Amino acid sequence: TPEQITLERQLRHRLVRLSAALITHPWWATLPTGEQVDARAALQQLHP
């Protein structure tokens, strides 16, 4: 339906924007290169 198309696009757009904001966050540059992968994996394990 037109509503489903709109909602799917909005959610997909938000996923891309949130993902980009996460991976480009300036905090990652403060970590030593060897710790970044482990830190990203730990961040993904956070749950509300």
ModelCIF file with pLDDT and N, C-alpha, C, O atoms, coordinates in Angstrom:
data_MODEL
#
_entry.id   MODEL 
#
_entity.id                         1 
_entity.type                       polymer 
_entity.pdbx_number_of_molecules   1 
#
_entity_poly.entity_id                      1 
_entity_poly.type                           'polypeptide(L)' 
_entity_poly.nstd_linkage                   no 
_entity_poly.nstd_monomer                   no 
_entity_poly.pdbx_seq_one_letter_code       TPEQITLERQLRHRLVRLSAALITHPWWATLPTGEQVDARAALQQLHP 
_entity_poly.pdbx_seq_one_letter_code_can   TPEQITLERQLRHRLVRLSAALITHPWWATLPTGEQVDARAALQQLHP 
_entity_poly.pdbx_strand_id                 A 
#
loop_
_entity_poly_seq.entity_id 
_entity_poly_seq.num 
_entity_poly_seq.mon_id 
_entity_poly_seq.hetero 
1 1  THR n 
1 2  PRO n 
1 3  GLU n 
1 4  GLN n 
1 5  ILE n 
1 6  THR n 
1 7  LEU n 
1 8  GLU n 
1 9  ARG n 
1 10 GLN n 
1 11 LEU n 
1 12 ARG n 
1 13 HIS n 
1 14 ARG n 
1 15 LEU n 
1 16 VAL n 
1 17 ARG n 
1 18 LEU n 
1 19 SER n 
1 20 ALA n 
1 21 ALA n 
1 22 LEU n 
1 23 ILE n 
1 24 THR n 
1 25 HIS n 
1 26 PRO n 
1 27 TRP n 
1 28 TRP n 
1 29 ALA n 
1 30 THR n 
1 31 LEU n 
1 32 PRO n 
1 33 THR n 
1 34 GLY n 
1 35 GLU n 
1 36 GLN n 
1 37 VAL n 
1 38 ASP n 
1 39 ALA n 
1 40 ARG n 
1 41 ALA n 
1 42 ALA n 
1 43 LEU n 
1 44 GLN n 
1 45 GLN n 
1 46 LEU n 
1 47 HIS n 
1 48 PRO n 
#
_struct_asym.id          A 
_struct_asym.entity_id   1 
#
loop_
_ma_qa_metric.id 
_ma_qa_metric.mode 
_ma_qa_metric.name 
_ma_qa_metric.software_group_id 
_ma_qa_metric.type 
1 global pLDDT . pLDDT 
2 local  pLDDT . pLDDT 
#
_ma_qa_metric_global.metric_id      1 
_ma_qa_metric_global.metric_value   93.62 
_ma_qa_metric_global.model_id       1 
_ma_qa_metric_global.ordinal_id     1 
#
loop_
_ma_qa_metric_local.label_asym_id 
_ma_qa_metric_local.label_comp_id 
_ma_qa_metric_local.label_seq_id 
_ma_qa_metric_local.metric_id 
_ma_qa_metric_local.metric_value 
_ma_qa_metric_local.model_id 
_ma_qa_metric_local.ordinal_id 
A THR 1  2 96.00 1 1  
A PRO 2  2 96.00 1 2  
A GLU 3  2 97.00 1 3  
A GLN 4  2 97.00 1 4  
A ILE 5  2 97.00 1 5  
A THR 6  2 97.00 1 6  
A LEU 7  2 97.00 1 7  
A GLU 8  2 97.00 1 8  
A ARG 9  2 97.00 1 9  
A GLN 10 2 98.00 1 10 
A LEU 11 2 98.00 1 11 
A ARG 12 2 98.00 1 12 
A HIS 13 2 98.00 1 13 
A ARG 14 2 98.00 1 14 
A LEU 15 2 97.00 1 15 
A VAL 16 2 98.00 1 16 
A ARG 17 2 98.00 1 17 
A LEU 18 2 97.00 1 18 
A SER 19 2 96.00 1 19 
A ALA 20 2 97.00 1 20 
A ALA 21 2 97.00 1 21 
A LEU 22 2 95.00 1 22 
A ILE 23 2 94.00 1 23 
A THR 24 2 95.00 1 24 
A HIS 25 2 95.00 1 25 
A PRO 26 2 95.00 1 26 
A TRP 27 2 95.00 1 27 
A TRP 28 2 93.00 1 28 
A ALA 29 2 93.00 1 29 
A THR 30 2 93.00 1 30 
A LEU 31 2 92.00 1 31 
A PRO 32 2 92.00 1 32 
A THR 33 2 87.00 1 33 
A GLY 34 2 87.00 1 34 
A GLU 35 2 91.00 1 35 
A GLN 36 2 91.00 1 36 
A VAL 37 2 91.00 1 37 
A ASP 38 2 92.00 1 38 
A ALA 39 2 93.00 1 39 
A ARG 40 2 92.00 1 40 
A ALA 41 2 92.00 1 41 
A ALA 42 2 93.00 1 42 
A LEU 43 2 93.00 1 43 
A GLN 44 2 91.00 1 44 
A GLN 45 2 91.00 1 45 
A LEU 46 2 86.00 1 46 
A HIS 47 2 80.00 1 47 
A PRO 48 2 71.00 1 48 
#
loop_
_atom_site.group_PDB 
_atom_site.id 
_atom_site.type_symbol 
_atom_site.label_atom_id 
_atom_site.label_alt_id 
_atom_site.label_comp_id 
_atom_site.label_asym_id 
_atom_site.label_entity_id 
_atom_site.label_seq_id 
_atom_site.pdbx_PDB_ins_code 
_atom_site.Cartn_x 
_atom_site.Cartn_y 
_atom_site.Cartn_z 
_atom_site.occupancy 
_atom_site.B_iso_or_equiv 
_atom_site.pdbx_formal_charge 
_atom_site.auth_seq_id 
_atom_site.auth_comp_id 
_atom_site.auth_asym_id 
_atom_site.auth_atom_id 
_atom_site.pdbx_PDB_model_num 
ATOM 1   N N  . THR A 1 1  ? 0.862  -1.176 0.000  1.00 96.00 ? 1  THR A N  1 
ATOM 2   C CA . THR A 1 1  ? 0.000  0.000  0.000  1.00 96.00 ? 1  THR A CA 1 
ATOM 3   C C  . THR A 1 1  ? 0.907  1.237  0.000  1.00 96.00 ? 1  THR A C  1 
ATOM 4   O O  . THR A 1 1  ? 2.085  1.134  0.345  1.00 96.00 ? 1  THR A O  1 
ATOM 5   N N  . PRO A 1 2  ? 0.381  2.389  -0.377 1.00 96.00 ? 2  PRO A N  1 
ATOM 6   C CA . PRO A 1 2  ? 1.202  3.610  -0.320 1.00 96.00 ? 2  PRO A CA 1 
ATOM 7   C C  . PRO A 1 2  ? 1.755  3.872  1.091  1.00 96.00 ? 2  PRO A C  1 
ATOM 8   O O  . PRO A 1 2  ? 2.875  4.362  1.238  1.00 96.00 ? 2  PRO A O  1 
ATOM 9   N N  . GLU A 1 3  ? 0.970  3.546  2.119  1.00 97.00 ? 3  GLU A N  1 
ATOM 10  C CA . GLU A 1 3  ? 1.432  3.740  3.493  1.00 97.00 ? 3  GLU A CA 1 
ATOM 11  C C  . GLU A 1 3  ? 2.599  2.806  3.812  1.00 97.00 ? 3  GLU A C  1 
ATOM 12  O O  . GLU A 1 3  ? 3.554  3.212  4.474  1.00 97.00 ? 3  GLU A O  1 
ATOM 13  N N  . GLN A 1 4  ? 2.527  1.561  3.345  1.00 97.00 ? 4  GLN A N  1 
ATOM 14  C CA . GLN A 1 4  ? 3.611  0.607  3.569  1.00 97.00 ? 4  GLN A CA 1 
ATOM 15  C C  . GLN A 1 4  ? 4.889  1.055  2.853  1.00 97.00 ? 4  GLN A C  1 
ATOM 16  O O  . GLN A 1 4  ? 5.987  0.948  3.398  1.00 97.00 ? 4  GLN A O  1 
ATOM 17  N N  . ILE A 1 5  ? 4.731  1.551  1.642  1.00 97.00 ? 5  ILE A N  1 
ATOM 18  C CA . ILE A 1 5  ? 5.898  2.038  0.891  1.00 97.00 ? 5  ILE A CA 1 
ATOM 19  C C  . ILE A 1 5  ? 6.560  3.187  1.641  1.00 97.00 ? 5  ILE A C  1 
ATOM 20  O O  . ILE A 1 5  ? 7.782  3.215  1.783  1.00 97.00 ? 5  ILE A O  1 
ATOM 21  N N  . THR A 1 6  ? 5.764  4.129  2.117  1.00 97.00 ? 6  THR A N  1 
ATOM 22  C CA . THR A 1 6  ? 6.292  5.285  2.841  1.00 97.00 ? 6  THR A CA 1 
ATOM 23  C C  . THR A 1 6  ? 6.980  4.860  4.130  1.00 97.00 ? 6  THR A C  1 
ATOM 24  O O  . THR A 1 6  ? 8.086  5.312  4.424  1.00 97.00 ? 6  THR A O  1 
ATOM 25  N N  . LEU A 1 7  ? 6.329  3.994  4.900  1.00 97.00 ? 7  LEU A N  1 
ATOM 26  C CA . LEU A 1 7  ? 6.902  3.548  6.169  1.00 97.00 ? 7  LEU A CA 1 
ATOM 27  C C  . LEU A 1 7  ? 8.193  2.767  5.951  1.00 97.00 ? 7  LEU A C  1 
ATOM 28  O O  . LEU A 1 7  ? 9.159  2.951  6.693  1.00 97.00 ? 7  LEU A O  1 
ATOM 29  N N  . GLU A 1 8  ? 8.221  1.899  4.944  1.00 97.00 ? 8  GLU A N  1 
ATOM 30  C CA . GLU A 1 8  ? 9.431  1.121  4.658  1.00 97.00 ? 8  GLU A CA 1 
ATOM 31  C C  . GLU A 1 8  ? 10.582 2.050  4.298  1.00 97.00 ? 8  GLU A C  1 
ATOM 32  O O  . GLU A 1 8  ? 11.702 1.866  4.775  1.00 97.00 ? 8  GLU A O  1 
ATOM 33  N N  . ARG A 1 9  ? 10.314 3.038  3.467  1.00 97.00 ? 9  ARG A N  1 
ATOM 34  C CA . ARG A 1 9  ? 11.359 3.986  3.070  1.00 97.00 ? 9  ARG A CA 1 
ATOM 35  C C  . ARG A 1 9  ? 11.867 4.797  4.256  1.00 97.00 ? 9  ARG A C  1 
ATOM 36  O O  . ARG A 1 9  ? 13.070 5.014  4.402  1.00 97.00 ? 9  ARG A O  1 
ATOM 37  N N  . GLN A 1 10 ? 10.931 5.245  5.108  1.00 98.00 ? 10 GLN A N  1 
ATOM 38  C CA . GLN A 1 10 ? 11.326 6.041  6.269  1.00 98.00 ? 10 GLN A CA 1 
ATOM 39  C C  . GLN A 1 10 ? 12.197 5.229  7.225  1.00 98.00 ? 10 GLN A C  1 
ATOM 40  O O  . GLN A 1 10 ? 13.230 5.708  7.694  1.00 98.00 ? 10 GLN A O  1 
ATOM 41  N N  . LEU A 1 11 ? 11.777 4.006  7.507  1.00 98.00 ? 11 LEU A N  1 
ATOM 42  C CA . LEU A 1 11 ? 12.560 3.175  8.423  1.00 98.00 ? 11 LEU A CA 1 
ATOM 43  C C  . LEU A 1 11 ? 13.924 2.827  7.841  1.00 98.00 ? 11 LEU A C  1 
ATOM 44  O O  . LEU A 1 11 ? 14.931 2.858  8.548  1.00 98.00 ? 11 LEU A O  1 
ATOM 45  N N  . ARG A 1 12 ? 13.957 2.495  6.547  1.00 98.00 ? 12 ARG A N  1 
ATOM 46  C CA . ARG A 1 12 ? 15.243 2.173  5.911  1.00 98.00 ? 12 ARG A CA 1 
ATOM 47  C C  . ARG A 1 12 ? 16.161 3.395  5.936  1.00 98.00 ? 12 ARG A C  1 
ATOM 48  O O  . ARG A 1 12 ? 17.358 3.268  6.199  1.00 98.00 ? 12 ARG A O  1 
ATOM 49  N N  . HIS A 1 13 ? 15.608 4.569  5.666  1.00 98.00 ? 13 HIS A N  1 
ATOM 50  C CA . HIS A 1 13 ? 16.395 5.802  5.700  1.00 98.00 ? 13 HIS A CA 1 
ATOM 51  C C  . HIS A 1 13 ? 16.951 6.045  7.107  1.00 98.00 ? 13 HIS A C  1 
ATOM 52  O O  . HIS A 1 13 ? 18.116 6.412  7.259  1.00 98.00 ? 13 HIS A O  1 
ATOM 53  N N  . ARG A 1 14 ? 16.122 5.841  8.131  1.00 98.00 ? 14 ARG A N  1 
ATOM 54  C CA . ARG A 1 14 ? 16.592 6.016  9.511  1.00 98.00 ? 14 ARG A CA 1 
ATOM 55  C C  . ARG A 1 14 ? 17.681 5.018  9.852  1.00 98.00 ? 14 ARG A C  1 
ATOM 56  O O  . ARG A 1 14 ? 18.635 5.360  10.550 1.00 98.00 ? 14 ARG A O  1 
ATOM 57  N N  . LEU A 1 15 ? 17.553 3.778  9.366  1.00 97.00 ? 15 LEU A N  1 
ATOM 58  C CA . LEU A 1 15 ? 18.599 2.778  9.611  1.00 97.00 ? 15 LEU A CA 1 
ATOM 59  C C  . LEU A 1 15 ? 19.932 3.229  9.028  1.00 97.00 ? 15 LEU A C  1 
ATOM 60  O O  . LEU A 1 15 ? 20.972 3.117  9.678  1.00 97.00 ? 15 LEU A O  1 
ATOM 61  N N  . VAL A 1 16 ? 19.897 3.728  7.822  1.00 98.00 ? 16 VAL A N  1 
ATOM 62  C CA . VAL A 1 16 ? 21.131 4.183  7.177  1.00 98.00 ? 16 VAL A CA 1 
ATOM 63  C C  . VAL A 1 16 ? 21.713 5.374  7.930  1.00 98.00 ? 16 VAL A C  1 
ATOM 64  O O  . VAL A 1 16 ? 22.917 5.409  8.184  1.00 98.00 ? 16 VAL A O  1 
ATOM 65  N N  . ARG A 1 17 ? 20.889 6.342  8.289  1.00 98.00 ? 17 ARG A N  1 
ATOM 66  C CA . ARG A 1 17 ? 21.369 7.529  8.991  1.00 98.00 ? 17 ARG A CA 1 
ATOM 67  C C  . ARG A 1 17 ? 21.942 7.172  10.353 1.00 98.00 ? 17 ARG A C  1 
ATOM 68  O O  . ARG A 1 17 ? 23.005 7.670  10.723 1.00 98.00 ? 17 ARG A O  1 
ATOM 69  N N  . LEU A 1 18 ? 21.255 6.317  11.107 1.00 97.00 ? 18 LEU A N  1 
ATOM 70  C CA . LEU A 1 18 ? 21.755 5.914  12.423 1.00 97.00 ? 18 LEU A CA 1 
ATOM 71  C C  . LEU A 1 18 ? 23.069 5.136  12.300 1.00 97.00 ? 18 LEU A C  1 
ATOM 72  O O  . LEU A 1 18 ? 24.004 5.352  13.071 1.00 97.00 ? 18 LEU A O  1 
ATOM 73  N N  . SER A 1 19 ? 23.125 4.234  11.325 1.00 96.00 ? 19 SER A N  1 
ATOM 74  C CA . SER A 1 19 ? 24.357 3.458  11.109 1.00 96.00 ? 19 SER A CA 1 
ATOM 75  C C  . SER A 1 19 ? 25.523 4.378  10.771 1.00 96.00 ? 19 SER A C  1 
ATOM 76  O O  . SER A 1 19 ? 26.624 4.213  11.295 1.00 96.00 ? 19 SER A O  1 
ATOM 77  N N  . ALA A 1 20 ? 25.278 5.341  9.899  1.00 97.00 ? 20 ALA A N  1 
ATOM 78  C CA . ALA A 1 20 ? 26.333 6.284  9.513  1.00 97.00 ? 20 ALA A CA 1 
ATOM 79  C C  . ALA A 1 20 ? 26.775 7.119  10.713 1.00 97.00 ? 20 ALA A C  1 
ATOM 80  O O  . ALA A 1 20 ? 27.969 7.355  10.902 1.00 97.00 ? 20 ALA A O  1 
ATOM 81  N N  . ALA A 1 21 ? 25.822 7.562  11.518 1.00 97.00 ? 21 ALA A N  1 
ATOM 82  C CA . ALA A 1 21 ? 26.171 8.357  12.696 1.00 97.00 ? 21 ALA A CA 1 
ATOM 83  C C  . ALA A 1 21 ? 26.994 7.531  13.690 1.00 97.00 ? 21 ALA A C  1 
ATOM 84  O O  . ALA A 1 21 ? 27.900 8.054  14.339 1.00 97.00 ? 21 ALA A O  1 
ATOM 85  N N  . LEU A 1 22 ? 26.676 6.260  13.803 1.00 95.00 ? 22 LEU A N  1 
ATOM 86  C CA . LEU A 1 22 ? 27.425 5.376  14.702 1.00 95.00 ? 22 LEU A CA 1 
ATOM 87  C C  . LEU A 1 22 ? 28.857 5.162  14.236 1.00 95.00 ? 22 LEU A C  1 
ATOM 88  O O  . LEU A 1 22 ? 29.799 5.321  15.013 1.00 95.00 ? 22 LEU A O  1 
ATOM 89  N N  . ILE A 1 23 ? 29.018 4.804  12.977 1.00 94.00 ? 23 ILE A N  1 
ATOM 90  C CA . ILE A 1 23 ? 30.361 4.427  12.522 1.00 94.00 ? 23 ILE A CA 1 
ATOM 91  C C  . ILE A 1 23 ? 31.268 5.623  12.284 1.00 94.00 ? 23 ILE A C  1 
ATOM 92  O O  . ILE A 1 23 ? 32.486 5.465  12.208 1.00 94.00 ? 23 ILE A O  1 
ATOM 93  N N  . THR A 1 24 ? 30.697 6.815  12.165 1.00 95.00 ? 24 THR A N  1 
ATOM 94  C CA . THR A 1 24 ? 31.531 8.001  11.960 1.00 95.00 ? 24 THR A CA 1 
ATOM 95  C C  . THR A 1 24 ? 31.655 8.851  13.225 1.00 95.00 ? 24 THR A C  1 
ATOM 96  O O  . THR A 1 24 ? 32.199 9.954  13.179 1.00 95.00 ? 24 THR A O  1 
ATOM 97  N N  . HIS A 1 25 ? 31.156 8.347  14.348 1.00 95.00 ? 25 HIS A N  1 
ATOM 98  C CA . HIS A 1 25 ? 31.218 9.102  15.605 1.00 95.00 ? 25 HIS A CA 1 
ATOM 99  C C  . HIS A 1 25 ? 32.680 9.395  15.954 1.00 95.00 ? 25 HIS A C  1 
ATOM 100 O O  . HIS A 1 25 ? 33.526 8.506  15.853 1.00 95.00 ? 25 HIS A O  1 
ATOM 101 N N  . PRO A 1 26 ? 32.981 10.615 16.359 1.00 95.00 ? 26 PRO A N  1 
ATOM 102 C CA . PRO A 1 26 ? 34.368 10.992 16.642 1.00 95.00 ? 26 PRO A CA 1 
ATOM 103 C C  . PRO A 1 26 ? 35.015 10.188 17.774 1.00 95.00 ? 26 PRO A C  1 
ATOM 104 O O  . PRO A 1 26 ? 36.242 10.127 17.851 1.00 95.00 ? 26 PRO A O  1 
ATOM 105 N N  . TRP A 1 27 ? 34.230 9.578  18.642 1.00 95.00 ? 27 TRP A N  1 
ATOM 106 C CA . TRP A 1 27 ? 34.798 8.811  19.753 1.00 95.00 ? 27 TRP A CA 1 
ATOM 107 C C  . TRP A 1 27 ? 35.672 7.664  19.266 1.00 95.00 ? 27 TRP A C  1 
ATOM 108 O O  . TRP A 1 27 ? 36.646 7.310  19.929 1.00 95.00 ? 27 TRP A O  1 
ATOM 109 N N  . TRP A 1 28 ? 35.341 7.081  18.126 1.00 93.00 ? 28 TRP A N  1 
ATOM 110 C CA . TRP A 1 28 ? 36.123 5.946  17.634 1.00 93.00 ? 28 TRP A CA 1 
ATOM 111 C C  . TRP A 1 28 ? 37.582 6.332  17.395 1.00 93.00 ? 28 TRP A C  1 
ATOM 112 O O  . TRP A 1 28 ? 38.470 5.491  17.537 1.00 93.00 ? 28 TRP A O  1 
ATOM 113 N N  . ALA A 1 29 ? 37.840 7.576  17.040 1.00 93.00 ? 29 ALA A N  1 
ATOM 114 C CA . ALA A 1 29 ? 39.212 8.019  16.783 1.00 93.00 ? 29 ALA A CA 1 
ATOM 115 C C  . ALA A 1 29 ? 40.042 8.103  18.063 1.00 93.00 ? 29 ALA A C  1 
ATOM 116 O O  . ALA A 1 29 ? 41.270 8.166  17.999 1.00 93.00 ? 29 ALA A O  1 
ATOM 117 N N  . THR A 1 30 ? 39.388 8.105  19.215 1.00 93.00 ? 30 THR A N  1 
ATOM 118 C CA . THR A 1 30 ? 40.128 8.172  20.480 1.00 93.00 ? 30 THR A CA 1 
ATOM 119 C C  . THR A 1 30 ? 40.656 6.813  20.915 1.00 93.00 ? 30 THR A C  1 
ATOM 120 O O  . THR A 1 30 ? 41.480 6.732  21.825 1.00 93.00 ? 30 THR A O  1 
ATOM 121 N N  . LEU A 1 31 ? 40.191 5.749  20.278 1.00 92.00 ? 31 LEU A N  1 
ATOM 122 C CA . LEU A 1 31 ? 40.635 4.401  20.633 1.00 92.00 ? 31 LEU A CA 1 
ATOM 123 C C  . LEU A 1 31 ? 41.856 3.993  19.829 1.00 92.00 ? 31 LEU A C  1 
ATOM 124 O O  . LEU A 1 31 ? 41.991 4.384  18.670 1.00 92.00 ? 31 LEU A O  1 
ATOM 125 N N  . PRO A 1 32 ? 42.745 3.214  20.427 1.00 92.00 ? 32 PRO A N  1 
ATOM 126 C CA . PRO A 1 32 ? 43.821 2.640  19.633 1.00 92.00 ? 32 PRO A CA 1 
ATOM 127 C C  . PRO A 1 32 ? 43.228 1.724  18.560 1.00 92.00 ? 32 PRO A C  1 
ATOM 128 O O  . PRO A 1 32 ? 42.204 1.080  18.790 1.00 92.00 ? 32 PRO A O  1 
ATOM 129 N N  . THR A 1 33 ? 43.850 1.668  17.421 1.00 87.00 ? 33 THR A N  1 
ATOM 130 C CA . THR A 1 33 ? 43.327 0.911  16.282 1.00 87.00 ? 33 THR A CA 1 
ATOM 131 C C  . THR A 1 33 ? 42.995 -0.532 16.653 1.00 87.00 ? 33 THR A C  1 
ATOM 132 O O  . THR A 1 33 ? 41.980 -1.062 16.200 1.00 87.00 ? 33 THR A O  1 
ATOM 133 N N  . GLY A 1 34 ? 43.814 -1.165 17.453 1.00 87.00 ? 34 GLY A N  1 
ATOM 134 C CA . GLY A 1 34 ? 43.596 -2.560 17.821 1.00 87.00 ? 34 GLY A CA 1 
ATOM 135 C C  . GLY A 1 34 ? 42.375 -2.794 18.687 1.00 87.00 ? 34 GLY A C  1 
ATOM 136 O O  . GLY A 1 34 ? 41.889 -3.922 18.768 1.00 87.00 ? 34 GLY A O  1 
ATOM 137 N N  . GLU A 1 35 ? 41.870 -1.760 19.333 1.00 91.00 ? 35 GLU A N  1 
ATOM 138 C CA . GLU A 1 35 ? 40.712 -1.911 20.222 1.00 91.00 ? 35 GLU A CA 1 
ATOM 139 C C  . GLU A 1 35 ? 39.392 -1.564 19.546 1.00 91.00 ? 35 GLU A C  1 
ATOM 140 O O  . GLU A 1 35 ? 38.332 -1.838 20.108 1.00 91.00 ? 35 GLU A O  1 
ATOM 141 N N  . GLN A 1 36 ? 39.427 -0.976 18.372 1.00 91.00 ? 36 GLN A N  1 
ATOM 142 C CA . GLN A 1 36 ? 38.194 -0.494 17.746 1.00 91.00 ? 36 GLN A CA 1 
ATOM 143 C C  . GLN A 1 36 ? 37.220 -1.612 17.400 1.00 91.00 ? 36 GLN A C  1 
ATOM 144 O O  . GLN A 1 36 ? 36.016 -1.473 17.617 1.00 91.00 ? 36 GLN A O  1 
ATOM 145 N N  . VAL A 1 37 ? 37.720 -2.702 16.871 1.00 91.00 ? 37 VAL A N  1 
ATOM 146 C CA . VAL A 1 37 ? 36.824 -3.801 16.480 1.00 91.00 ? 37 VAL A CA 1 
ATOM 147 C C  . VAL A 1 37 ? 36.124 -4.378 17.699 1.00 91.00 ? 37 VAL A C  1 
ATOM 148 O O  . VAL A 1 37 ? 34.914 -4.603 17.678 1.00 91.00 ? 37 VAL A O  1 
ATOM 149 N N  . ASP A 1 38 ? 36.893 -4.620 18.774 1.00 92.00 ? 38 ASP A N  1 
ATOM 150 C CA . ASP A 1 38 ? 36.288 -5.163 19.992 1.00 92.00 ? 38 ASP A CA 1 
ATOM 151 C C  . ASP A 1 38 ? 35.287 -4.181 20.595 1.00 92.00 ? 38 ASP A C  1 
ATOM 152 O O  . ASP A 1 38 ? 34.239 -4.586 21.096 1.00 92.00 ? 38 ASP A O  1 
ATOM 153 N N  . ALA A 1 39 ? 35.610 -2.897 20.546 1.00 93.00 ? 39 ALA A N  1 
ATOM 154 C CA . ALA A 1 39 ? 34.701 -1.888 21.096 1.00 93.00 ? 39 ALA A CA 1 
ATOM 155 C C  . ALA A 1 39 ? 33.411 -1.817 20.278 1.00 93.00 ? 39 ALA A C  1 
ATOM 156 O O  . ALA A 1 39 ? 32.325 -1.691 20.844 1.00 93.00 ? 39 ALA A O  1 
ATOM 157 N N  . ARG A 1 40 ? 33.524 -1.895 18.964 1.00 92.00 ? 40 ARG A N  1 
ATOM 158 C CA . ARG A 1 40 ? 32.308 -1.869 18.128 1.00 92.00 ? 40 ARG A CA 1 
ATOM 159 C C  . ARG A 1 40 ? 31.439 -3.094 18.411 1.00 92.00 ? 40 ARG A C  1 
ATOM 160 O O  . ARG A 1 40 ? 30.214 -2.990 18.479 1.00 92.00 ? 40 ARG A O  1 
ATOM 161 N N  . ALA A 1 41 ? 32.077 -4.248 18.575 1.00 92.00 ? 41 ALA A N  1 
ATOM 162 C CA . ALA A 1 41 ? 31.324 -5.466 18.888 1.00 92.00 ? 41 ALA A CA 1 
ATOM 163 C C  . ALA A 1 41 ? 30.649 -5.344 20.256 1.00 92.00 ? 41 ALA A C  1 
ATOM 164 O O  . ALA A 1 41 ? 29.510 -5.780 20.423 1.00 92.00 ? 41 ALA A O  1 
ATOM 165 N N  . ALA A 1 42 ? 31.339 -4.758 21.230 1.00 93.00 ? 42 ALA A N  1 
ATOM 166 C CA . ALA A 1 42 ? 30.752 -4.573 22.555 1.00 93.00 ? 42 ALA A CA 1 
ATOM 167 C C  . ALA A 1 42 ? 29.571 -3.605 22.497 1.00 93.00 ? 42 ALA A C  1 
ATOM 168 O O  . ALA A 1 42 ? 28.554 -3.822 23.155 1.00 93.00 ? 42 ALA A O  1 
ATOM 169 N N  . LEU A 1 43 ? 29.705 -2.548 21.717 1.00 93.00 ? 43 LEU A N  1 
ATOM 170 C CA . LEU A 1 43 ? 28.616 -1.574 21.595 1.00 93.00 ? 43 LEU A CA 1 
ATOM 171 C C  . LEU A 1 43 ? 27.376 -2.221 20.993 1.00 93.00 ? 43 LEU A C  1 
ATOM 172 O O  . LEU A 1 43 ? 26.258 -1.915 21.405 1.00 93.00 ? 43 LEU A O  1 
ATOM 173 N N  . GLN A 1 44 ? 27.559 -3.101 20.035 1.00 91.00 ? 44 GLN A N  1 
ATOM 174 C CA . GLN A 1 44 ? 26.421 -3.767 19.398 1.00 91.00 ? 44 GLN A CA 1 
ATOM 175 C C  . GLN A 1 44 ? 25.677 -4.675 20.370 1.00 91.00 ? 44 GLN A C  1 
ATOM 176 O O  . GLN A 1 44 ? 24.511 -4.998 20.143 1.00 91.00 ? 44 GLN A O  1 
ATOM 177 N N  . GLN A 1 45 ? 26.332 -5.089 21.442 1.00 91.00 ? 45 GLN A N  1 
ATOM 178 C CA . GLN A 1 45 ? 25.694 -5.971 22.419 1.00 91.00 ? 45 GLN A CA 1 
ATOM 179 C C  . GLN A 1 45 ? 24.850 -5.222 23.442 1.00 91.00 ? 45 GLN A C  1 
ATOM 180 O O  . GLN A 1 45 ? 24.172 -5.846 24.258 1.00 91.00 ? 45 GLN A O  1 
ATOM 181 N N  . LEU A 1 46 ? 24.883 -3.890 23.408 1.00 86.00 ? 46 LEU A N  1 
ATOM 182 C CA . LEU A 1 46 ? 24.062 -3.109 24.334 1.00 86.00 ? 46 LEU A CA 1 
ATOM 183 C C  . LEU A 1 46 ? 22.583 -3.344 24.052 1.00 86.00 ? 46 LEU A C  1 
ATOM 184 O O  . LEU A 1 46 ? 22.160 -3.411 22.898 1.00 86.00 ? 46 LEU A O  1 
ATOM 185 N N  . HIS A 1 47 ? 21.819 -3.467 25.106 1.00 80.00 ? 47 HIS A N  1 
ATOM 186 C CA . HIS A 1 47 ? 20.369 -3.638 24.979 1.00 80.00 ? 47 HIS A CA 1 
ATOM 187 C C  . HIS A 1 47 ? 19.701 -2.674 25.934 1.00 80.00 ? 47 HIS A C  1 
ATOM 188 O O  . HIS A 1 47 ? 20.238 -2.387 27.004 1.00 80.00 ? 47 HIS A O  1 
ATOM 189 N N  . PRO A 1 48 ? 18.540 -2.172 25.562 1.00 71.00 ? 48 PRO A N  1 
ATOM 190 C CA . PRO A 1 48 ? 17.856 -1.229 26.452 1.00 71.00 ? 48 PRO A CA 1 
ATOM 191 C C  . PRO A 1 48 ? 17.519 -1.893 27.782 1.00 71.00 ? 48 PRO A C  1 
ATOM 192 O O  . PRO A 1 48 ? 16.940 -1.255 28.661 1.00 71.00 ? 48 PRO A O  1 
#
